[in-house]
C-alpha atoms as a PDB file:
ATOM      1  CA  MET A   1       8.086   5.361  20.803  1.00  0.00           C
ATOM      2  CA  THR A   2      11.348   6.388  22.029  1.00  0.00           C
ATOM      3  CA  PHE A   3      14.473   5.319  20.688  1.00  0.00           C
ATOM      4  CA  SER A   4      14.897   2.527  22.884  1.00  0.00           C
ATOM      5  CA  GLU A   5      11.518   1.065  22.583  1.00  0.00           C
ATOM      6  CA  ALA A   6      11.906   1.111  18.815  1.00  0.00           C
ATOM      7  CA  VAL A   7      15.023  -1.056  19.520  1.00  0.00           C
ATOM      8  CA  ARG A   8      13.474  -3.057  21.448  1.00  0.00           C
ATOM      9  CA  SER A   9      10.610  -4.085  19.381  1.00  0.00           C
ATOM     10  CA  SER A  10      12.597  -3.954  16.309  1.00  0.00           C
ATOM     11  CA  PHE A  11      14.726  -6.828  17.869  1.00  0.00           C
ATOM     12  CA  ARG A  12      11.514  -8.879  19.518  1.00  0.00           C
ATOM     13  CA  GLN A  13      10.494  -8.704  16.195  1.00  0.00           C
ATOM     14  CA  TYR A  14      13.486  -9.979  14.513  1.00  0.00           C
ATOM     15  CA  ALA A  15      12.375 -11.736  11.716  1.00  0.00           C
ATOM     16  CA  THR A  16       8.888 -10.497  11.856  1.00  0.00           C
ATOM     17  CA  PHE A  17       8.071  -9.550   8.042  1.00  0.00           C
ATOM     18  CA  SER A  18       4.264  -9.687   8.958  1.00  0.00           C
ATOM     19  CA  GLY A  19       2.076  -6.372  11.028  1.00  0.00           C
ATOM     20  CA  ARG A  20       3.258  -2.673  10.622  1.00  0.00           C
ATOM     21  CA  ALA A  21       5.820  -0.384  11.549  1.00  0.00           C
ATOM     22  CA  SER A  22       5.672   3.076  12.753  1.00  0.00           C
ATOM     23  CA  ARG A  23       7.567   5.977  11.547  1.00  0.00           C
ATOM     24  CA  ALA A  24       8.920   6.557  15.034  1.00  0.00           C
ATOM     25  CA  GLU A  25      10.435   2.585  15.256  1.00  0.00           C
ATOM     26  CA  TYR A  26      11.372   2.393  11.732  1.00  0.00           C
ATOM     27  CA  TRP A  27      13.954   5.648  11.538  1.00  0.00           C
ATOM     28  CA  PHE A  28      14.994   5.458  15.688  1.00  0.00           C
ATOM     29  CA  PHE A  29      15.860   1.769  14.333  1.00  0.00           C
ATOM     30  CA  PHE A  30      17.625   3.024  11.362  1.00  0.00           C
ATOM     31  CA  LEU A  31      19.152   5.559  13.632  1.00  0.00           C
ATOM     32  CA  PHE A  32      20.524   2.946  15.780  1.00  0.00           C
ATOM     33  CA  CYS A  33      21.600   0.814  12.696  1.00  0.00           C
ATOM     34  CA  LEU A  34      23.583   3.841  12.010  1.00  0.00           C
ATOM     35  CA  LEU A  35      25.408   5.020  15.103  1.00  0.00           C
ATOM     36  CA  GLY A  36      26.222   1.464  15.932  1.00  0.00           C
ATOM     37  CA  GLY A  37      27.730   1.033  12.397  1.00  0.00           C
ATOM     38  CA  LEU A  38      29.745   4.063  12.896  1.00  0.00           C
ATOM     39  CA  ILE A  39      30.567   4.025  16.640  1.00  0.00           C
ATOM     40  CA  SER A  40      32.193   0.355  15.881  1.00  0.00           C
ATOM     41  CA  GLY A  41      33.634   1.474  12.777  1.00  0.00           C
ATOM     42  CA  LEU A  42      35.995   4.502  14.781  1.00  0.00           C
ATOM     43  CA  PHE A  43      36.613   1.737  17.443  1.00  0.00           C
ATOM     44  CA  GLU A  44      38.139  -0.537  15.206  1.00  0.00           C
ATOM     45  CA  ASN A  45      40.091   2.468  12.861  1.00  0.00           C
ATOM     46  CA  THR A  46      41.251   3.567  16.497  1.00  0.00           C
ATOM     47  CA  LEU A  47      42.467  -0.179  17.412  1.00  0.00           C
ATOM     48  CA  ASN A  48      44.115  -0.300  14.037  1.00  0.00           C
ATOM     49  CA  ARG A  49      46.046   2.979  14.176  1.00  0.00           C
ATOM     50  CA  ALA A  50      47.130   1.398  17.938  1.00  0.00           C
ATOM     51  CA  PHE A  51      48.399  -1.306  16.540  1.00  0.00           C
ATOM     52  CA  GLY A  52      49.805   0.416  13.825  1.00  0.00           C
ATOM     53  CA  GLU A  53      48.461  -1.130  10.948  1.00  0.00           C
ATOM     54  CA  ASP A  54      46.291   0.776   8.074  1.00  0.00           C
ATOM     55  CA  GLN A  55      43.156  -1.499   8.155  1.00  0.00           C
ATOM     56  CA  GLY A  56      42.606  -4.581   9.916  1.00  0.00           C
ATOM     57  CA  PRO A  57      40.056  -7.104  10.251  1.00  0.00           C
ATOM     58  CA  THR A  58      36.585  -5.336  10.572  1.00  0.00           C
ATOM     59  CA  ILE A  59      35.100  -7.823  13.669  1.00  0.00           C
ATOM     60  CA  LEU A  60      33.383  -5.813  15.752  1.00  0.00           C
ATOM     61  CA  SER A  61      31.272  -3.972  12.707  1.00  0.00           C
ATOM     62  CA  GLY A  62      31.070  -6.889  10.626  1.00  0.00           C
ATOM     63  CA  THR A  63      29.446  -8.634  13.455  1.00  0.00           C
ATOM     64  CA  PHE A  64      27.097  -5.820  14.281  1.00  0.00           C
ATOM     65  CA  ASN A  65      26.060  -5.612  10.722  1.00  0.00           C
ATOM     66  CA  LEU A  66      24.950  -8.883  10.958  1.00  0.00           C
ATOM     67  CA  ILE A  67      23.419  -8.718  13.908  1.00  0.00           C
ATOM     68  CA  THR A  68      21.030  -5.934  12.893  1.00  0.00           C
ATOM     69  CA  PHE A  69      20.630  -7.059   9.339  1.00  0.00           C
ATOM     70  CA  LEU A  70      17.667  -9.272   9.291  1.00  0.00           C
ATOM     71  CA  PRO A  71      15.988  -6.920  12.288  1.00  0.00           C
ATOM     72  CA  GLY A  72      16.532  -3.828   9.869  1.00  0.00           C
ATOM     73  CA  LEU A  73      15.319  -5.508   7.021  1.00  0.00           C
ATOM     74  CA  ALA A  74      12.191  -6.473   8.685  1.00  0.00           C
ATOM     75  CA  VAL A  75      11.006  -2.898  10.430  1.00  0.00           C
ATOM     76  CA  ALA A  76      11.824  -1.521   7.217  1.00  0.00           C
ATOM     77  CA  TRP A  77       9.203  -4.300   5.531  1.00  0.00           C
ATOM     78  CA  ARG A  78       6.671  -3.706   8.256  1.00  0.00           C
ATOM     79  CA  ARG A  79       7.086   0.170   7.718  1.00  0.00           C
ATOM     80  CA  MET A  80       6.105  -0.354   3.856  1.00  0.00           C
ATOM     81  CA  HIS A  81       3.068  -2.731   5.511  1.00  0.00           C
ATOM     82  CA  ASP A  82       2.177   0.535   7.447  1.00  0.00           C
ATOM     83  CA  SER A  83       2.233   3.001   4.623  1.00  0.00           C
ATOM     84  CA  GLY A  84       0.004   0.418   2.424  1.00  0.00           C
ATOM     85  CA  ARG A  85       2.554  -0.641   0.269  1.00  0.00           C
ATOM     86  CA  SER A  86       3.670  -4.625   0.163  1.00  0.00           C
ATOM     87  CA  GLY A  87       7.189  -4.759   1.740  1.00  0.00           C
ATOM     88  CA  LEU A  88       8.016  -6.525  -1.783  1.00  0.00           C
ATOM     89  CA  LEU A  89       8.739  -2.964  -2.684  1.00  0.00           C
ATOM     90  CA  PHE A  90      11.810  -3.113  -0.264  1.00  0.00           C
ATOM     91  CA  LEU A  91      13.207  -5.429  -2.829  1.00  0.00           C
ATOM     92  CA  TYR A  92      12.687  -2.913  -6.089  1.00  0.00           C
ATOM     93  CA  PRO A  93      16.327  -1.615  -5.782  1.00  0.00           C
ATOM     94  CA  LEU A  94      18.358  -5.402  -5.798  1.00  0.00           C
ATOM     95  CA  LEU A  95      16.038  -6.139  -8.935  1.00  0.00           C
ATOM     96  CA  VAL A  96      16.576  -2.537 -10.556  1.00  0.00           C
ATOM     97  CA  LEU A  97      20.366  -3.357 -10.049  1.00  0.00           C
ATOM     98  CA  ILE A  98      20.182  -6.621 -11.370  1.00  0.00           C
ATOM     99  CA  GLY A  99      18.174  -5.728 -14.493  1.00  0.00           C
ATOM    100  CA  LEU A 100      19.881  -2.676 -15.165  1.00  0.00           C
ATOM    101  CA  GLY A 101      23.333  -4.974 -14.787  1.00  0.00           C
ATOM    102  CA  THR A 102      21.937  -7.539 -17.354  1.00  0.00           C
ATOM    103  CA  ILE A 103      20.476  -4.843 -19.654  1.00  0.00           C
ATOM    104  CA  ALA A 104      24.246  -3.538 -20.037  1.00  0.00           C
ATOM    105  CA  THR A 105      25.755  -6.659 -19.819  1.00  0.00           C
ATOM    106  CA  LEU A 106      23.940  -7.581 -22.954  1.00  0.00           C
ATOM    107  CA  THR A 107      24.381  -4.500 -24.596  1.00  0.00           C
ATOM    108  CA  GLY A 108      27.837  -3.890 -24.335  1.00  0.00           C
ATOM    109  CA  SER A 109      27.656  -0.727 -22.097  1.00  0.00           C
ATOM    110  CA  PHE A 110      30.291  -1.476 -19.572  1.00  0.00           C
ATOM    111  CA  GLY A 111      32.953  -1.529 -22.571  1.00  0.00           C
ATOM    112  CA  GLU A 112      31.628   1.552 -24.078  1.00  0.00           C
ATOM    113  CA  LEU A 113      32.359   3.161 -20.693  1.00  0.00           C
ATOM    114  CA  LEU A 114      36.113   3.304 -21.187  1.00  0.00           C
ATOM    115  CA  PRO A 115      37.750   5.002 -24.376  1.00  0.00           C
ATOM    116  CA  GLY A 116      38.865   3.435 -26.911  1.00  0.00           C
ATOM    117  CA  SER A 117      42.202   2.694 -28.160  1.00  0.00           C
ATOM    118  CA  ASP A 118      41.811   4.828 -30.844  1.00  0.00           C
ATOM    119  CA  GLY A 119      41.099   8.001 -28.956  1.00  0.00           C
ATOM    120  CA  THR A 120      37.281   7.839 -29.029  1.00  0.00           C
ATOM    121  CA  PRO A 121      35.389   9.250 -26.323  1.00  0.00           C
ATOM    122  CA  PRO A 122      33.984   6.498 -24.277  1.00  0.00           C
ATOM    123  CA  PHE A 123      30.081   7.706 -24.596  1.00  0.00           C
ATOM    124  CA  GLU A 124      28.457   7.595 -27.809  1.00  0.00           C
ATOM    125  CA  GLY A 125      25.229   6.350 -29.763  1.00  0.00           C
ATOM    126  CA  PRO A 126      23.081   3.771 -27.910  1.00  0.00           C
ATOM    127  CA  ALA A 127      25.617   3.263 -25.243  1.00  0.00           C
ATOM    128  CA  ALA A 128      25.528   6.527 -23.936  1.00  0.00           C
ATOM    129  CA  ILE A 129      21.635   6.651 -24.082  1.00  0.00           C
ATOM    130  CA  ILE A 130      21.967   3.168 -21.971  1.00  0.00           C
ATOM    131  CA  VAL A 131      24.133   4.419 -19.310  1.00  0.00           C
ATOM    132  CA  SER A 132      22.420   7.567 -18.826  1.00  0.00           C
ATOM    133  CA  LEU A 133      18.889   6.111 -18.173  1.00  0.00           C
ATOM    134  CA  MET A 134      20.502   3.456 -15.621  1.00  0.00           C
ATOM    135  CA  MET A 135      21.955   6.466 -13.527  1.00  0.00           C
ATOM    136  CA  ILE A 136      18.882   8.236 -13.547  1.00  0.00           C
ATOM    137  CA  VAL A 137      16.765   5.840 -12.257  1.00  0.00           C
ATOM    138  CA  MET A 138      19.907   4.681  -9.548  1.00  0.00           C
ATOM    139  CA  ALA A 139      19.516   7.879  -8.466  1.00  0.00           C
ATOM    140  CA  LEU A 140      15.515   8.394  -8.272  1.00  0.00           C
ATOM    141  CA  THR A 141      15.446   4.750  -6.437  1.00  0.00           C
ATOM    142  CA  PRO A 142      16.521   6.098  -3.186  1.00  0.00           C
ATOM    143  CA  LEU A 143      14.219   8.960  -3.461  1.00  0.00           C
ATOM    144  CA  VAL A 144      11.217   7.029  -3.705  1.00  0.00           C
ATOM    145  CA  PHE A 145      11.870   5.273  -0.929  1.00  0.00           C
ATOM    146  CA  LEU A 146      13.212   8.066   1.081  1.00  0.00           C
ATOM    147  CA  TRP A 147       9.401   9.702   0.260  1.00  0.00           C
ATOM    148  CA  TRP A 148       7.492   5.396   0.581  1.00  0.00           C
ATOM    149  CA  LEU A 149       8.886   5.699   4.412  1.00  0.00           C
ATOM    150  CA  THR A 150       8.393   9.047   5.331  1.00  0.00           C
ATOM    151  CA  ARG A 151       4.509   8.724   4.491  1.00  0.00           C
ATOM    152  CA  PRO A 152       2.548   8.237   7.485  1.00  0.00           C
ATOM    153  CA  SER A 153       0.478   5.315   8.656  1.00  0.00           C
ATOM    154  CA  GLN A 154      -2.805   4.905   7.529  1.00  0.00           C
ATOM    155  CA  PRO A 155      -5.258   4.901   9.345  1.00  0.00           C
ATOM    156  CA  GLY A 156      -7.196   2.312  10.812  1.00  0.00           C
ATOM    157  CA  PRO A 157      -6.209  -1.459   9.857  1.00  0.00           C
ATOM    158  CA  ASN A 158      -5.343  -2.088   6.405  1.00  0.00           C
ATOM    159  CA  THR A 159      -4.756  -5.565   4.775  1.00  0.00           C
ATOM    160  CA  TYR A 160      -1.808  -5.992   7.155  1.00  0.00           C
ATOM    161  CA  GLY A 161      -2.893  -5.207  10.311  1.00  0.00           C
ATOM    162  CA  PRO A 162      -4.303  -2.908  12.744  1.00  0.00           C
ATOM    163  CA  ASN A 163      -2.582   0.844  12.780  1.00  0.00           C
ATOM    164  CA  PRO A 164       0.566   0.673  15.479  1.00  0.00           C
ATOM    165  CA  HIS A 165      -0.368   3.834  17.074  1.00  0.00           C
ATOM    166  CA  GLU A 166      -4.221   2.444  18.049  1.00  0.00           C
ATOM    167  CA  VAL A 167      -3.238  -0.572  18.841  1.00  0.00           C
ATOM    168  CA  THR A 168      -3.141  -0.472  23.327  1.00  0.00           C
ATOM    169  CA  PRO A 169      -0.405  -2.377  24.622  1.00  0.00           C
END
Protein backbone atom coordinates (compact mmCIF):
# COMPACT_ATOMS: atom_id res chain seq x y z
CA MET A 1 0.00 0.00 0.00
CA THR A 2 1.37 3.40 -0.97
CA PHE A 3 1.17 6.62 1.02
CA SER A 4 -1.70 8.04 -1.05
CA GLU A 5 -3.61 4.74 -1.00
CA ALA A 6 -3.32 4.61 2.79
CA VAL A 7 -4.63 8.16 3.20
CA ARG A 8 -7.51 7.54 0.77
CA SER A 9 -8.36 4.25 2.48
CA SER A 10 -8.37 5.86 5.92
CA PHE A 11 -10.67 8.68 4.78
CA ARG A 12 -12.90 6.25 2.87
CA GLN A 13 -13.33 4.32 6.10
CA TYR A 14 -13.72 7.57 8.09
CA ALA A 15 -15.61 6.08 11.04
CA THR A 16 -15.32 2.36 10.34
CA PHE A 17 -14.17 0.61 13.49
CA SER A 18 -14.72 -2.92 12.19
CA GLY A 19 -12.32 -4.88 10.04
CA ARG A 20 -8.56 -4.75 9.86
CA ALA A 21 -5.89 -2.25 8.77
CA SER A 22 -2.38 -3.19 7.69
CA ARG A 23 0.73 -1.71 9.25
CA ALA A 24 1.36 0.30 6.08
CA GLU A 25 -2.12 1.81 6.17
CA TYR A 26 -1.81 2.83 9.82
CA TRP A 27 1.74 4.19 9.70
CA PHE A 28 1.26 6.06 6.41
CA PHE A 29 -1.87 7.71 7.81
CA PHE A 30 0.02 8.47 11.03
CA LEU A 31 2.76 10.11 8.92
CA PHE A 32 0.11 12.07 6.98
CA CYS A 33 -1.36 13.39 10.25
CA LEU A 34 2.08 14.22 11.63
CA LEU A 35 3.19 16.07 8.49
CA GLY A 36 -0.19 17.78 8.05
CA GLY A 37 -0.15 19.01 11.65
CA LEU A 38 3.43 20.20 11.33
CA ILE A 39 2.85 22.02 8.04
CA SER A 40 -0.40 23.67 9.18
CA GLY A 41 1.24 24.75 12.45
CA LEU A 42 4.27 26.20 10.67
CA PHE A 43 2.01 28.00 8.19
CA GLU A 44 -0.03 29.53 11.02
CA ASN A 45 3.11 30.50 12.88
CA THR A 46 4.45 32.21 9.74
CA LEU A 47 1.17 34.10 9.28
CA ASN A 48 1.12 35.19 12.92
CA ARG A 49 4.67 36.50 12.70
CA ALA A 50 3.91 38.27 9.41
CA PHE A 51 1.07 40.13 11.12
CA GLY A 52 3.17 40.89 14.19
CA GLU A 53 1.33 38.62 16.59
CA ASP A 54 3.07 36.30 19.01
CA GLN A 55 0.28 33.79 18.93
CA GLY A 56 -2.99 33.84 17.10
CA PRO A 57 -5.89 31.53 16.55
CA THR A 58 -4.99 28.06 15.33
CA ILE A 59 -7.91 27.65 12.97
CA LEU A 60 -6.01 25.79 10.25
CA SER A 61 -4.25 23.23 12.45
CA GLY A 62 -7.31 22.90 14.68
CA THR A 63 -9.48 22.14 11.66
CA PHE A 64 -6.92 19.66 10.33
CA ASN A 65 -6.79 17.90 13.69
CA LEU A 66 -10.59 17.72 13.90
CA ILE A 67 -10.83 16.31 10.38
CA THR A 68 -8.18 13.64 10.99
CA PHE A 69 -9.09 12.69 14.58
CA LEU A 70 -11.89 10.22 13.84
CA PRO A 71 -10.23 8.46 10.87
CA GLY A 72 -7.00 8.31 12.87
CA LEU A 73 -8.80 6.67 15.77
CA ALA A 74 -10.63 4.30 13.41
CA VAL A 75 -7.47 3.20 11.56
CA ALA A 76 -5.68 2.62 14.89
CA TRP A 77 -8.69 0.61 16.09
CA ARG A 78 -8.57 -1.52 12.94
CA ARG A 79 -4.79 -1.86 13.27
CA MET A 80 -5.30 -3.36 16.72
CA HIS A 81 -7.78 -5.79 15.13
CA ASP A 82 -5.21 -6.74 12.50
CA SER A 83 -2.74 -7.78 15.20
CA GLY A 84 -5.44 -9.86 16.90
CA ARG A 85 -6.27 -7.43 19.71
CA SER A 86 -9.50 -5.69 20.56
CA GLY A 87 -9.78 -2.07 19.47
CA LEU A 88 -11.05 -1.31 22.96
CA LEU A 89 -7.45 -1.63 24.14
CA PHE A 90 -6.86 1.68 22.39
CA LEU A 91 -8.82 3.29 25.23
CA TYR A 92 -6.24 1.99 27.72
CA PRO A 93 -4.18 5.23 27.91
CA LEU A 94 -7.33 7.23 28.63
CA LEU A 95 -8.30 4.80 31.37
CA VAL A 96 -4.78 4.96 32.80
CA LEU A 97 -4.92 8.77 32.95
CA ILE A 98 -8.35 8.79 34.57
CA GLY A 99 -7.40 6.06 37.04
CA LEU A 100 -4.09 7.57 38.04
CA GLY A 101 -5.58 11.03 38.34
CA THR A 102 -8.32 9.65 40.57
CA ILE A 103 -5.83 7.78 42.75
CA ALA A 104 -3.60 10.83 43.04
CA THR A 105 -6.56 13.03 43.95
CA LEU A 106 -7.95 10.61 46.52
CA THR A 107 -4.58 10.09 48.19
CA GLY A 108 -3.64 13.76 48.09
CA SER A 109 -0.52 13.02 46.06
CA PHE A 110 -0.81 16.23 44.05
CA GLY A 111 -0.42 18.29 47.20
CA GLU A 112 2.57 16.20 48.19
CA LEU A 113 4.38 17.22 45.02
CA LEU A 114 4.69 20.78 46.27
CA PRO A 115 7.20 21.62 48.97
CA GLY A 116 5.63 22.42 52.29
CA SER A 117 5.81 25.87 53.84
CA ASP A 118 8.03 24.39 56.53
CA GLY A 119 10.64 23.42 53.95
CA THR A 120 9.84 19.71 53.85
CA PRO A 121 10.82 17.98 50.62
CA PRO A 122 8.05 17.42 48.07
CA PHE A 123 8.44 13.62 47.87
CA GLU A 124 8.00 11.70 51.10
CA GLY A 125 6.34 8.53 52.25
CA PRO A 126 3.39 6.94 50.45
CA ALA A 127 2.97 9.89 48.09
CA ALA A 128 6.46 9.30 46.71
CA ILE A 129 5.66 5.65 46.05
CA ILE A 130 2.31 6.42 44.41
CA VAL A 131 3.68 9.18 42.21
CA SER A 132 6.69 7.05 41.23
CA LEU A 133 4.42 4.16 40.22
CA MET A 134 2.22 6.57 38.25
CA MET A 135 5.26 7.86 36.37
CA ILE A 136 6.40 4.32 35.55
CA VAL A 137 2.95 3.36 34.23
CA MET A 138 2.72 6.56 32.17
CA ALA A 139 6.19 5.92 30.70
CA LEU A 140 5.44 2.30 29.79
CA THR A 141 2.00 2.88 28.25
CA PRO A 142 3.26 4.45 24.98
CA LEU A 143 5.87 1.71 24.65
CA VAL A 144 3.20 -0.99 24.95
CA PHE A 145 1.15 0.74 22.25
CA LEU A 146 4.13 1.12 19.99
CA TRP A 147 4.76 -2.61 20.41
CA TRP A 148 1.13 -3.48 19.62
CA LEU A 149 0.93 -1.19 16.58
CA THR A 150 4.13 -2.58 15.06
CA ARG A 151 3.15 -6.24 15.32
CA PRO A 152 2.68 -8.09 12.03
CA SER A 153 -0.75 -9.01 10.74
CA GLN A 154 -2.22 -12.26 11.96
CA PRO A 155 -2.10 -14.68 9.04
CA GLY A 156 -5.44 -15.63 7.57
CA PRO A 157 -8.77 -14.36 8.81
CA ASN A 158 -9.25 -13.64 12.50
CA THR A 159 -12.34 -12.69 14.51
CA TYR A 160 -12.17 -9.16 13.10
CA GLY A 161 -12.11 -10.06 9.41
CA PRO A 162 -9.85 -11.22 6.59
CA ASN A 163 -6.16 -10.39 6.46
CA PRO A 164 -5.77 -7.12 4.46
CA HIS A 165 -2.69 -8.56 2.70
CA GLU A 166 -4.66 -11.57 1.47
CA VAL A 167 -7.75 -9.68 0.25
CA THR A 168 -7.96 -8.92 -3.44
CA PRO A 169 -9.29 -5.43 -4.23
